[in-house]
């Protein structure tokens, strides 16, 4: 039913498509290698964040360092200190 589209085989187009596919595969492999190398570099220098609990002593993070201050509450990205 209806009209079937004609299929053309152009060798030059097939060669270009194969070439682009090979370039895509090379880029994909290089990105995976770069990602792996960056992960190794980060893991080598990474240190975990210190753990705090309510009531523990914590030094103020500034030049004066008047503390230590008592931790009142541990928030996801901050500490609430008793000043």
PDB file of N, CA and C in Angstrom:
ATOM      1  N   UNK A   1       0.834  -1.167   0.000  1.00  0.00           N
ATOM      2  CA  UNK A   1       0.000   0.000   0.000  1.00  0.00           C
ATOM      3  C   UNK A   1       0.884   1.236   0.000  1.00  0.00           C
ATOM      4  N   UNK A   2       0.548   2.168  -0.753  1.00  0.00           N
ATOM      5  CA  UNK A   2       1.302   3.405  -0.790  1.00  0.00           C
ATOM      6  C   UNK A   2       2.558   3.274  -1.625  1.00  0.00           C
ATOM      7  N   UNK A   3       3.369   4.262  -1.515  1.00  0.00           N
ATOM      8  CA  UNK A   3       4.590   4.310  -2.304  1.00  0.00           C
ATOM      9  C   UNK A   3       5.765   3.930  -1.415  1.00  0.00           C
ATOM     10  N   UNK A   4       6.567   3.030  -1.904  1.00  0.00           N
ATOM     11  CA  UNK A   4       7.767   2.642  -1.168  1.00  0.00           C
ATOM     12  C   UNK A   4       8.897   3.592  -1.555  1.00  0.00           C
ATOM     13  N   UNK A   5       9.626   4.104  -0.559  1.00  0.00           N
ATOM     14  CA  UNK A   5      10.743   4.977  -0.909  1.00  0.00           C
ATOM     15  C   UNK A   5      11.862   4.178  -1.565  1.00  0.00           C
ATOM     16  N   UNK A   6      12.513   4.805  -2.490  1.00  0.00           N
ATOM     17  CA  UNK A   6      13.608   4.116  -3.158  1.00  0.00           C
ATOM     18  C   UNK A   6      14.840   4.137  -2.260  1.00  0.00           C
ATOM     19  N   UNK A   7      15.601   3.098  -2.353  1.00  0.00           N
ATOM     20  CA  UNK A   7      16.840   3.039  -1.583  1.00  0.00           C
ATOM     21  C   UNK A   7      18.002   3.228  -2.539  1.00  0.00           C
ATOM     22  N   UNK A   8      18.880   4.105  -2.171  1.00  0.00           N
ATOM     23  CA  UNK A   8      20.053   4.367  -2.987  1.00  0.00           C
ATOM     24  C   UNK A   8      21.287   3.904  -2.235  1.00  0.00           C
ATOM     25  N   UNK A   9      22.178   3.285  -2.945  1.00  0.00           N
ATOM     26  CA  UNK A   9      23.447   2.888  -2.346  1.00  0.00           C
ATOM     27  C   UNK A   9      24.534   3.745  -2.970  1.00  0.00           C
ATOM     28  N   UNK A  10      25.026   4.660  -2.162  1.00  0.00           N
ATOM     29  CA  UNK A  10      26.116   5.516  -2.606  1.00  0.00           C
ATOM     30  C   UNK A  10      27.336   5.129  -1.784  1.00  0.00           C
ATOM     31  N   UNK A  11      28.330   4.627  -2.461  1.00  0.00           N
ATOM     32  CA  UNK A  11      29.511   4.126  -1.761  1.00  0.00           C
ATOM     33  C   UNK A  11      30.221   5.227  -0.981  1.00  0.00           C
ATOM     34  N   UNK A  12      30.284   6.414  -1.529  1.00  0.00           N
ATOM     35  CA  UNK A  12      30.960   7.519  -0.846  1.00  0.00           C
ATOM     36  C   UNK A  12      30.244   7.858   0.457  1.00  0.00           C
ATOM     37  N   UNK A  13      28.922   7.826   0.440  1.00  0.00           N
ATOM     38  CA  UNK A  13      28.151   8.119   1.648  1.00  0.00           C
ATOM     39  C   UNK A  13      28.379   7.042   2.699  1.00  0.00           C
ATOM     40  N   UNK A  14      28.453   5.794   2.252  1.00  0.00           N
ATOM     41  CA  UNK A  14      28.711   4.703   3.193  1.00  0.00           C
ATOM     42  C   UNK A  14      30.104   4.828   3.812  1.00  0.00           C
ATOM     43  N   UNK A  15      31.077   5.218   3.026  1.00  0.00           N
ATOM     44  CA  UNK A  15      32.437   5.405   3.540  1.00  0.00           C
ATOM     45  C   UNK A  15      32.482   6.543   4.559  1.00  0.00           C
ATOM     46  N   UNK A  16      31.781   7.633   4.271  1.00  0.00           N
ATOM     47  CA  UNK A  16      31.737   8.761   5.207  1.00  0.00           C
ATOM     48  C   UNK A  16      31.060   8.334   6.504  1.00  0.00           C
ATOM     49  N   UNK A  17      29.975   7.573   6.387  1.00  0.00           N
ATOM     50  CA  UNK A  17      29.266   7.104   7.580  1.00  0.00           C
ATOM     51  C   UNK A  17      30.165   6.193   8.417  1.00  0.00           C
ATOM     52  N   UNK A  18      30.896   5.302   7.766  1.00  0.00           N
ATOM     53  CA  UNK A  18      31.818   4.418   8.489  1.00  0.00           C
ATOM     54  C   UNK A  18      32.924   5.229   9.166  1.00  0.00           C
ATOM     55  N   UNK A  19      33.420   6.239   8.449  1.00  0.00           N
ATOM     56  CA  UNK A  19      34.470   7.090   9.006  1.00  0.00           C
ATOM     57  C   UNK A  19      33.971   7.832  10.240  1.00  0.00           C
ATOM     58  N   UNK A  20      32.767   8.404  10.163  1.00  0.00           N
ATOM     59  CA  UNK A  20      32.198   9.127  11.301  1.00  0.00           C
ATOM     60  C   UNK A  20      31.917   8.185  12.469  1.00  0.00           C
ATOM     61  N   UNK A  21      31.489   6.968  12.162  1.00  0.00           N
ATOM     62  CA  UNK A  21      31.237   5.993  13.221  1.00  0.00           C
ATOM     63  C   UNK A  21      32.539   5.648  13.938  1.00  0.00           C
ATOM     64  N   UNK A  22      33.629   5.504  13.174  1.00  0.00           N
ATOM     65  CA  UNK A  22      34.925   5.198  13.786  1.00  0.00           C
ATOM     66  C   UNK A  22      35.398   6.366  14.650  1.00  0.00           C
ATOM     67  N   UNK A  23      35.198   7.596  14.175  1.00  0.00           N
ATOM     68  CA  UNK A  23      35.563   8.780  14.960  1.00  0.00           C
ATOM     69  C   UNK A  23      34.761   8.800  16.251  1.00  0.00           C
ATOM     70  N   UNK A  24      33.467   8.506  16.160  1.00  0.00           N
ATOM     71  CA  UNK A  24      32.606   8.470  17.345  1.00  0.00           C
ATOM     72  C   UNK A  24      33.103   7.433  18.342  1.00  0.00           C
ATOM     73  N   UNK A  25      33.486   6.261  17.867  1.00  0.00           N
ATOM     74  CA  UNK A  25      33.986   5.206  18.756  1.00  0.00           C
ATOM     75  C   UNK A  25      35.299   5.642  19.425  1.00  0.00           C
ATOM     76  N   UNK A  26      36.177   6.306  18.664  1.00  0.00           N
ATOM     77  CA  UNK A  26      37.442   6.788  19.232  1.00  0.00           C
ATOM     78  C   UNK A  26      37.197   7.843  20.307  1.00  0.00           C
ATOM     79  N   UNK A  27      36.288   8.781  20.028  1.00  0.00           N
ATOM     80  CA  UNK A  27      35.972   9.831  21.003  1.00  0.00           C
ATOM     81  C   UNK A  27      35.382   9.216  22.264  1.00  0.00           C
ATOM     82  N   UNK A  28      34.501   8.252  22.097  1.00  0.00           N
ATOM     83  CA  UNK A  28      33.873   7.577  23.238  1.00  0.00           C
ATOM     84  C   UNK A  28      34.933   6.881  24.101  1.00  0.00           C
ATOM     85  N   UNK A  29      35.883   6.211  23.463  1.00  0.00           N
ATOM     86  CA  UNK A  29      36.948   5.525  24.205  1.00  0.00           C
ATOM     87  C   UNK A  29      37.851   6.533  24.920  1.00  0.00           C
ATOM     88  N   UNK A  30      38.174   7.646  24.247  1.00  0.00           N
ATOM     89  CA  UNK A  30      39.024   8.666  24.872  1.00  0.00           C
ATOM     90  C   UNK A  30      38.332   9.322  26.055  1.00  0.00           C
ATOM     91  N   UNK A  31      37.029   9.559  25.955  1.00  0.00           N
ATOM     92  CA  UNK A  31      36.293  10.141  27.076  1.00  0.00           C
ATOM     93  C   UNK A  31      36.257   9.190  28.272  1.00  0.00           C
ATOM     94  N   UNK A  32      36.074   7.911  28.007  1.00  0.00           N
ATOM     95  CA  UNK A  32      36.067   6.931  29.096  1.00  0.00           C
ATOM     96  C   UNK A  32      37.440   6.881  29.778  1.00  0.00           C
ATOM     97  N   UNK A  33      38.510   6.945  28.980  1.00  0.00           N
ATOM     98  CA  UNK A  33      39.867   6.926  29.538  1.00  0.00           C
ATOM     99  C   UNK A  33      40.126   8.182  30.372  1.00  0.00           C
ATOM    100  N   UNK A  34      39.714   9.350  29.859  1.00  0.00           N
ATOM    101  CA  UNK A  34      39.909  10.608  30.591  1.00  0.00           C
ATOM    102  C   UNK A  34      39.122  10.603  31.890  1.00  0.00           C
ATOM    103  N   UNK A  35      37.905  10.085  31.855  1.00  0.00           N
ATOM    104  CA  UNK A  35      37.073  10.009  33.059  1.00  0.00           C
ATOM    105  C   UNK A  35      37.740   9.124  34.108  1.00  0.00           C
ATOM    106  N   UNK A  36      38.277   8.006  33.676  1.00  0.00           N
ATOM    107  CA  UNK A  36      38.957   7.091  34.593  1.00  0.00           C
ATOM    108  C   UNK A  36      40.190   7.749  35.213  1.00  0.00           C
ATOM    109  N   UNK A  37      40.970   8.461  34.400  1.00  0.00           N
ATOM    110  CA  UNK A  37      42.168   9.122  34.913  1.00  0.00           C
ATOM    111  C   UNK A  37      41.812  10.231  35.894  1.00  0.00           C
ATOM    112  N   UNK A  38      40.761  10.993  35.596  1.00  0.00           N
ATOM    113  CA  UNK A  38      40.348  12.060  36.507  1.00  0.00           C
ATOM    114  C   UNK A  38      39.850  11.487  37.826  1.00  0.00           C
ATOM    115  N   UNK A  39      39.135  10.358  37.772  1.00  0.00           N
ATOM    116  CA  UNK A  39      38.650   9.724  39.001  1.00  0.00           C
ATOM    117  C   UNK A  39      39.828   9.263  39.855  1.00  0.00           C
ATOM    118  N   UNK A  40      40.842   8.690  39.237  1.00  0.00           N
ATOM    119  CA  UNK A  40      42.019   8.255  39.986  1.00  0.00           C
ATOM    120  C   UNK A  40      42.720   9.442  40.646  1.00  0.00           C
ATOM    121  N   UNK A  41      42.820  10.557  39.920  1.00  0.00           N
ATOM    122  CA  UNK A  41      43.474  11.751  40.465  1.00  0.00           C
ATOM    123  C   UNK A  41      42.698  12.296  41.659  1.00  0.00           C
ATOM    124  N   UNK A  42      41.380  12.362  41.544  1.00  0.00           N
ATOM    125  CA  UNK A  42      40.550  12.877  42.639  1.00  0.00           C
ATOM    126  C   UNK A  42      40.617  11.943  43.837  1.00  0.00           C
ATOM    127  N   UNK A  43      40.538  10.638  43.592  1.00  0.00           N
ATOM    128  CA  UNK A  43      40.574   9.674  44.693  1.00  0.00           C
ATOM    129  C   UNK A  43      41.916   9.714  45.428  1.00  0.00           C
ATOM    130  N   UNK A  44      42.989  10.039  44.710  1.00  0.00           N
ATOM    131  CA  UNK A  44      44.312  10.080  45.331  1.00  0.00           C
ATOM    132  C   UNK A  44      44.413  11.224  46.342  1.00  0.00           C
ATOM    133  N   UNK A  45      43.769  12.357  46.058  1.00  0.00           N
ATOM    134  CA  UNK A  45      43.896  13.541  46.913  1.00  0.00           C
ATOM    135  C   UNK A  45      42.689  13.762  47.815  1.00  0.00           C
ATOM    136  N   UNK A  46      41.656  12.969  47.678  1.00  0.00           N
ATOM    137  CA  UNK A  46      40.409  13.198  48.407  1.00  0.00           C
ATOM    138  C   UNK A  46      40.525  12.739  49.859  1.00  0.00           C
ATOM    139  N   UNK A  47      39.996  13.539  50.743  1.00  0.00           N
ATOM    140  CA  UNK A  47      39.888  13.126  52.140  1.00  0.00           C
ATOM    141  C   UNK A  47      38.445  13.346  52.580  1.00  0.00           C
ATOM    142  N   UNK A  48      37.957  12.477  53.421  1.00  0.00           N
ATOM    143  CA  UNK A  48      36.561  12.575  53.838  1.00  0.00           C
ATOM    144  C   UNK A  48      36.384  13.716  54.835  1.00  0.00           C
ATOM    145  N   UNK A  49      35.172  14.231  54.891  1.00  0.00           N
ATOM    146  CA  UNK A  49      34.857  15.336  55.798  1.00  0.00           C
ATOM    147  C   UNK A  49      34.872  14.839  57.242  1.00  0.00           C
ATOM    148  N   UNK A  50      35.258  15.688  58.178  1.00  0.00           N
ATOM    149  CA  UNK A  50      35.248  15.267  59.580  1.00  0.00           C
ATOM    150  C   UNK A  50      33.816  15.052  60.067  1.00  0.00           C
ATOM    151  N   UNK A  51      33.647  14.137  60.986  1.00  0.00           N
ATOM    152  CA  UNK A  51      32.304  13.887  61.521  1.00  0.00           C
ATOM    153  C   UNK A  51      32.133  14.670  62.820  1.00  0.00           C
ATOM    154  N   UNK A  52      30.983  15.270  62.966  1.00  0.00           N
ATOM    155  CA  UNK A  52      30.656  16.052  64.154  1.00  0.00           C
ATOM    156  C   UNK A  52      29.432  15.446  64.818  1.00  0.00           C
ATOM    157  N   UNK A  53      29.339  15.608  66.111  1.00  0.00           N
ATOM    158  CA  UNK A  53      28.146  15.183  66.837  1.00  0.00           C
ATOM    159  C   UNK A  53      27.768  16.286  67.816  1.00  0.00           C
ATOM    160  N   UNK A  54      26.522  16.266  68.237  1.00  0.00           N
ATOM    161  CA  UNK A  54      26.024  17.290  69.154  1.00  0.00           C
ATOM    162  C   UNK A  54      26.784  17.186  70.473  1.00  0.00           C
ATOM    163  N   UNK A  55      27.285  18.328  70.954  1.00  0.00           N
ATOM    164  CA  UNK A  55      28.033  18.370  72.203  1.00  0.00           C
ATOM    165  C   UNK A  55      29.535  18.310  72.029  1.00  0.00           C
ATOM    166  N   UNK A  56      30.010  17.957  70.826  1.00  0.00           N
ATOM    167  CA  UNK A  56      31.460  17.892  70.628  1.00  0.00           C
ATOM    168  C   UNK A  56      32.034  19.293  70.466  1.00  0.00           C
ATOM    169  N   UNK A  57      33.322  19.446  70.720  1.00  0.00           N
ATOM    170  CA  UNK A  57      33.992  20.738  70.619  1.00  0.00           C
ATOM    171  C   UNK A  57      34.479  20.941  69.184  1.00  0.00           C
ATOM    172  N   UNK A  58      34.311  22.174  68.682  1.00  0.00           N
ATOM    173  CA  UNK A  58      34.754  22.502  67.335  1.00  0.00           C
ATOM    174  C   UNK A  58      35.410  23.870  67.341  1.00  0.00           C
ATOM    175  N   UNK A  59      36.563  23.995  66.715  1.00  0.00           N
ATOM    176  CA  UNK A  59      37.241  25.283  66.634  1.00  0.00           C
ATOM    177  C   UNK A  59      36.587  26.140  65.560  1.00  0.00           C
ATOM    178  N   UNK A  60      36.530  27.441  65.800  1.00  0.00           N
ATOM    179  CA  UNK A  60      35.954  28.379  64.839  1.00  0.00           C
ATOM    180  C   UNK A  60      36.855  28.430  63.611  1.00  0.00           C
ATOM    181  N   UNK A  61      36.254  28.459  62.439  1.00  0.00           N
ATOM    182  CA  UNK A  61      37.033  28.462  61.212  1.00  0.00           C
ATOM    183  C   UNK A  61      37.330  29.890  60.765  1.00  0.00           C
ATOM    184  N   UNK A  62      38.200  30.576  61.476  1.00  0.00           N
ATOM    185  CA  UNK A  62      38.628  31.921  61.093  1.00  0.00           C
ATOM    186  C   UNK A  62      40.022  32.163  61.643  1.00  0.00           C
ATOM    187  N   UNK A  63      40.558  33.342  61.375  1.00  0.00           N
ATOM    188  CA  UNK A  63      41.918  33.660  61.806  1.00  0.00           C
ATOM    189  C   UNK A  63      42.026  33.808  63.323  1.00  0.00           C
ATOM    190  N   UNK A  64      40.989  34.332  63.973  1.00  0.00           N
ATOM    191  CA  UNK A  64      41.075  34.649  65.401  1.00  0.00           C
ATOM    192  C   UNK A  64      41.043  33.401  66.283  1.00  0.00           C
ATOM    193  N   UNK A  65      40.282  32.425  65.929  1.00  0.00           N
ATOM    194  CA  UNK A  65      40.131  31.179  66.685  1.00  0.00           C
ATOM    195  C   UNK A  65      39.946  31.429  68.175  1.00  0.00           C
ATOM    196  N   UNK A  66      38.832  32.037  68.503  1.00  0.00           N
ATOM    197  CA  UNK A  66      38.495  32.314  69.896  1.00  0.00           C
ATOM    198  C   UNK A  66      37.972  31.046  70.569  1.00  0.00           C
ATOM    199  N   UNK A  67      37.474  30.095  69.802  1.00  0.00           N
ATOM    200  CA  UNK A  67      36.808  28.888  70.262  1.00  0.00           C
ATOM    201  C   UNK A  67      37.686  28.028  71.142  1.00  0.00           C
ATOM    202  N   UNK A  68      37.393  26.798  71.435  1.00  0.00           N
ATOM    203  CA  UNK A  68      36.433  25.928  70.759  1.00  0.00           C
ATOM    204  C   UNK A  68      34.985  26.201  71.169  1.00  0.00           C
ATOM    205  N   UNK A  69      34.076  25.917  70.261  1.00  0.00           N
ATOM    206  CA  UNK A  69      32.658  26.117  70.490  1.00  0.00           C
ATOM    207  C   UNK A  69      31.951  24.779  70.555  1.00  0.00           C
ATOM    208  N   UNK A  70      30.883  24.714  71.303  1.00  0.00           N
ATOM    209  CA  UNK A  70      30.099  23.497  71.433  1.00  0.00           C
ATOM    210  C   UNK A  70      29.142  23.394  70.252  1.00  0.00           C
ATOM    211  N   UNK A  71      29.041  22.203  69.675  1.00  0.00           N
ATOM    212  CA  UNK A  71      28.133  21.961  68.555  1.00  0.00           C
ATOM    213  C   UNK A  71      26.737  21.741  69.114  1.00  0.00           C
ATOM    214  N   UNK A  72      25.777  22.584  68.671  1.00  0.00           N
ATOM    215  CA  UNK A  72      24.392  22.452  69.118  1.00  0.00           C
ATOM    216  C   UNK A  72      23.573  21.585  68.177  1.00  0.00           C
ATOM    217  N   UNK A  73      23.841  21.705  66.873  1.00  0.00           N
ATOM    218  CA  UNK A  73      23.042  20.973  65.895  1.00  0.00           C
ATOM    219  C   UNK A  73      23.891  20.726  64.651  1.00  0.00           C
ATOM    220  N   UNK A  74      23.754  19.531  64.071  1.00  0.00           N
ATOM    221  CA  UNK A  74      24.454  19.193  62.843  1.00  0.00           C
ATOM    222  C   UNK A  74      23.447  19.277  61.704  1.00  0.00           C
ATOM    223  N   UNK A  75      23.672  20.213  60.779  1.00  0.00           N
ATOM    224  CA  UNK A  75      22.813  20.399  59.616  1.00  0.00           C
ATOM    225  C   UNK A  75      23.476  19.738  58.412  1.00  0.00           C
ATOM    226  N   UNK A  76      22.744  19.545  57.304  1.00  0.00           N
ATOM    227  CA  UNK A  76      23.355  18.871  56.149  1.00  0.00           C
ATOM    228  C   UNK A  76      24.629  19.539  55.634  1.00  0.00           C
ATOM    229  N   UNK A  77      24.673  20.877  55.619  1.00  0.00           N
ATOM    230  CA  UNK A  77      25.839  21.568  55.078  1.00  0.00           C
ATOM    231  C   UNK A  77      26.466  22.537  56.061  1.00  0.00           C
ATOM    232  N   UNK A  78      26.113  22.470  57.332  1.00  0.00           N
ATOM    233  CA  UNK A  78      26.625  23.434  58.306  1.00  0.00           C
ATOM    234  C   UNK A  78      26.521  22.868  59.714  1.00  0.00           C
ATOM    235  N   UNK A  79      27.114  23.596  60.649  1.00  0.00           N
ATOM    236  CA  UNK A  79      27.010  23.269  62.066  1.00  0.00           C
ATOM    237  C   UNK A  79      26.412  24.467  62.782  1.00  0.00           C
ATOM    238  N   UNK A  80      25.559  24.222  63.766  1.00  0.00           N
ATOM    239  CA  UNK A  80      25.041  25.292  64.614  1.00  0.00           C
ATOM    240  C   UNK A  80      25.856  25.241  65.898  1.00  0.00           C
ATOM    241  N   UNK A  81      26.579  26.352  66.196  1.00  0.00           N
ATOM    242  CA  UNK A  81      27.488  26.396  67.333  1.00  0.00           C
ATOM    243  C   UNK A  81      26.932  27.261  68.445  1.00  0.00           C
ATOM    244  N   UNK A  82      27.304  26.941  69.674  1.00  0.00           N
ATOM    245  CA  UNK A  82      26.957  27.774  70.822  1.00  0.00           C
ATOM    246  C   UNK A  82      28.041  28.835  70.939  1.00  0.00           C
ATOM    247  N   UNK A  83      27.653  30.093  70.699  1.00  0.00           N
ATOM    248  CA  UNK A  83      28.643  31.182  70.707  1.00  0.00           C
ATOM    249  C   UNK A  83      28.742  31.835  72.053  1.00  0.00           C
TER     250      UNK A  83
END
